[in-house]
Amino acid sequence: MENLVEVGKVNDRQLEYAYHRTYIHRINVFADGTWALLGGVIAALGIHGLVTIKDNPRTD
């Protein structure tokens, strides 16, 4: 986007398009990070659940 501004031969429509493309990219990067963090939390809860299971011997 900075390259478009430096050239100076662009119209407002091209600048708006470039701006919205970068804005959408930022939202996608945020969403990817959020899903990665959420996946890590789910994995940590699963591991915690497996580790803290008490072994109760069966009495028949």
N, C-alpha and C. Protein backbone atom coordinates (compact mmCIF):
# COMPACT_ATOMS: atom_id res chain seq x y z
N MET A 1 0.83 -1.18 0.00
CA MET A 1 0.00 0.00 0.00
C MET A 1 0.88 1.25 0.00
N GLU A 2 1.98 1.20 0.74
CA GLU A 2 2.88 2.36 0.76
C GLU A 2 3.47 2.61 -0.62
N ASN A 3 3.71 1.54 -1.36
CA ASN A 3 4.25 1.70 -2.72
C ASN A 3 3.26 2.45 -3.61
N LEU A 4 1.99 2.16 -3.45
CA LEU A 4 0.98 2.85 -4.25
C LEU A 4 0.96 4.35 -3.94
N VAL A 5 1.12 4.68 -2.68
CA VAL A 5 1.09 6.09 -2.30
C VAL A 5 2.32 6.81 -2.84
N GLU A 6 3.48 6.15 -2.79
CA GLU A 6 4.72 6.77 -3.26
C GLU A 6 4.71 7.00 -4.76
N VAL A 7 4.08 6.12 -5.51
CA VAL A 7 4.03 6.26 -6.97
C VAL A 7 3.26 7.52 -7.35
N GLY A 8 2.15 7.74 -6.73
CA GLY A 8 1.37 8.94 -6.97
C GLY A 8 0.48 8.89 -8.19
N LYS A 9 0.51 7.81 -8.96
CA LYS A 9 -0.32 7.71 -10.17
C LYS A 9 -1.49 6.75 -9.96
N VAL A 10 -2.00 6.75 -8.77
CA VAL A 10 -3.13 5.87 -8.47
C VAL A 10 -4.34 6.72 -8.13
N ASN A 11 -5.49 6.11 -8.30
CA ASN A 11 -6.71 6.84 -7.95
C ASN A 11 -7.22 6.37 -6.59
N ASP A 12 -8.24 7.02 -6.12
CA ASP A 12 -8.78 6.71 -4.80
C ASP A 12 -9.33 5.28 -4.72
N ARG A 13 -9.88 4.81 -5.81
CA ARG A 13 -10.44 3.45 -5.81
C ARG A 13 -9.35 2.41 -5.58
N GLN A 14 -8.20 2.57 -6.21
CA GLN A 14 -7.10 1.63 -6.01
C GLN A 14 -6.57 1.69 -4.58
N LEU A 15 -6.50 2.89 -4.02
CA LEU A 15 -6.04 3.02 -2.64
C LEU A 15 -7.03 2.39 -1.67
N GLU A 16 -8.31 2.59 -1.91
CA GLU A 16 -9.33 1.99 -1.05
C GLU A 16 -9.26 0.46 -1.13
N TYR A 17 -9.09 -0.06 -2.33
CA TYR A 17 -8.98 -1.51 -2.52
C TYR A 17 -7.78 -2.06 -1.76
N ALA A 18 -6.64 -1.40 -1.89
CA ALA A 18 -5.43 -1.85 -1.21
C ALA A 18 -5.61 -1.77 0.31
N TYR A 19 -6.23 -0.70 0.77
CA TYR A 19 -6.47 -0.55 2.21
C TYR A 19 -7.34 -1.69 2.75
N HIS A 20 -8.42 -1.99 2.05
CA HIS A 20 -9.32 -3.03 2.52
C HIS A 20 -8.68 -4.41 2.44
N ARG A 21 -7.83 -4.62 1.45
CA ARG A 21 -7.10 -5.90 1.38
C ARG A 21 -6.19 -6.08 2.59
N THR A 22 -5.47 -5.03 2.97
CA THR A 22 -4.60 -5.13 4.14
C THR A 22 -5.42 -5.28 5.42
N TYR A 23 -6.56 -4.62 5.49
CA TYR A 23 -7.42 -4.73 6.66
C TYR A 23 -7.95 -6.16 6.80
N ILE A 24 -8.38 -6.75 5.70
CA ILE A 24 -8.87 -8.13 5.72
C ILE A 24 -7.75 -9.08 6.12
N HIS A 25 -6.55 -8.83 5.65
CA HIS A 25 -5.41 -9.67 6.01
C HIS A 25 -5.16 -9.61 7.51
N ARG A 26 -5.25 -8.43 8.09
CA ARG A 26 -5.05 -8.30 9.54
C ARG A 26 -6.10 -9.07 10.32
N ILE A 27 -7.33 -9.03 9.86
CA ILE A 27 -8.40 -9.77 10.54
C ILE A 27 -8.13 -11.27 10.43
N ASN A 28 -7.69 -11.74 9.26
CA ASN A 28 -7.41 -13.16 9.08
C ASN A 28 -6.25 -13.62 9.96
N VAL A 29 -5.22 -12.80 10.08
CA VAL A 29 -4.08 -13.16 10.93
C VAL A 29 -4.54 -13.24 12.39
N PHE A 30 -5.37 -12.30 12.81
CA PHE A 30 -5.91 -12.33 14.17
C PHE A 30 -6.73 -13.60 14.40
N ALA A 31 -7.56 -13.95 13.42
CA ALA A 31 -8.40 -15.14 13.56
C ALA A 31 -7.55 -16.41 13.62
N ASP A 32 -6.50 -16.48 12.81
CA ASP A 32 -5.61 -17.64 12.85
C ASP A 32 -4.94 -17.77 14.21
N GLY A 33 -4.50 -16.65 14.76
CA GLY A 33 -3.89 -16.68 16.08
C GLY A 33 -4.87 -17.10 17.16
N THR A 34 -6.10 -16.64 17.03
CA THR A 34 -7.13 -17.00 18.00
C THR A 34 -7.42 -18.50 17.95
N TRP A 35 -7.53 -19.06 16.75
CA TRP A 35 -7.79 -20.50 16.63
C TRP A 35 -6.62 -21.32 17.16
N ALA A 36 -5.40 -20.85 16.92
CA ALA A 36 -4.23 -21.56 17.44
C ALA A 36 -4.23 -21.54 18.96
N LEU A 37 -4.54 -20.39 19.54
CA LEU A 37 -4.59 -20.29 21.00
C LEU A 37 -5.71 -21.16 21.57
N LEU A 38 -6.86 -21.14 20.94
CA LEU A 38 -7.98 -21.96 21.39
C LEU A 38 -7.65 -23.45 21.28
N GLY A 39 -7.00 -23.84 20.20
CA GLY A 39 -6.59 -25.24 20.05
C GLY A 39 -5.60 -25.66 21.13
N GLY A 40 -4.69 -24.76 21.47
CA GLY A 40 -3.73 -25.05 22.54
C GLY A 40 -4.42 -25.21 23.88
N VAL A 41 -5.41 -24.39 24.15
CA VAL A 41 -6.16 -24.49 25.41
C VAL A 41 -6.92 -25.81 25.47
N ILE A 42 -7.55 -26.19 24.38
CA ILE A 42 -8.29 -27.46 24.35
C ILE A 42 -7.34 -28.64 24.54
N ALA A 43 -6.18 -28.60 23.89
CA ALA A 43 -5.20 -29.67 24.06
C ALA A 43 -4.70 -29.72 25.50
N ALA A 44 -4.44 -28.56 26.10
CA ALA A 44 -3.97 -28.53 27.48
C ALA A 44 -5.02 -29.09 28.43
N LEU A 45 -6.29 -28.77 28.21
CA LEU A 45 -7.35 -29.32 29.05
C LEU A 45 -7.45 -30.84 28.90
N GLY A 46 -7.28 -31.33 27.67
CA GLY A 46 -7.31 -32.77 27.45
C GLY A 46 -6.17 -33.48 28.14
N ILE A 47 -4.98 -32.92 28.04
CA ILE A 47 -3.81 -33.52 28.70
C ILE A 47 -3.98 -33.46 30.22
N HIS A 48 -4.48 -32.35 30.72
CA HIS A 48 -4.72 -32.23 32.16
C HIS A 48 -5.73 -33.26 32.62
N GLY A 49 -6.76 -33.48 31.82
CA GLY A 49 -7.77 -34.48 32.18
C GLY A 49 -7.20 -35.89 32.20
N LEU A 50 -6.32 -36.20 31.25
CA LEU A 50 -5.71 -37.53 31.22
C LEU A 50 -4.76 -37.74 32.38
N VAL A 51 -4.04 -36.71 32.75
CA VAL A 51 -3.05 -36.84 33.82
C VAL A 51 -3.72 -36.95 35.19
N THR A 52 -4.83 -36.30 35.37
CA THR A 52 -5.45 -36.26 36.70
C THR A 52 -6.50 -37.34 36.92
N ILE A 53 -6.63 -38.30 36.01
CA ILE A 53 -7.57 -39.40 36.21
C ILE A 53 -7.05 -40.27 37.34
N LYS A 54 -7.93 -40.52 38.31
CA LYS A 54 -7.53 -41.38 39.43
C LYS A 54 -7.76 -42.83 39.02
N ASP A 55 -6.79 -43.66 39.35
CA ASP A 55 -6.92 -45.09 39.08
C ASP A 55 -7.65 -45.73 40.26
N ASN A 56 -8.88 -46.13 40.03
CA ASN A 56 -9.66 -46.83 41.05
C ASN A 56 -9.66 -48.31 40.72
N PRO A 57 -9.03 -49.11 41.57
CA PRO A 57 -9.03 -50.56 41.29
C PRO A 57 -10.45 -51.12 41.43
N ARG A 58 -10.79 -52.01 40.54
CA ARG A 58 -12.12 -52.61 40.56
C ARG A 58 -12.16 -53.73 41.60
N THR A 59 -13.24 -53.77 42.32
CA THR A 59 -13.45 -54.88 43.25
C THR A 59 -14.66 -55.67 42.78
N ASP A 60 -14.44 -56.89 42.40
CA ASP A 60 -15.54 -57.72 41.87
C ASP A 60 -16.13 -58.59 42.92
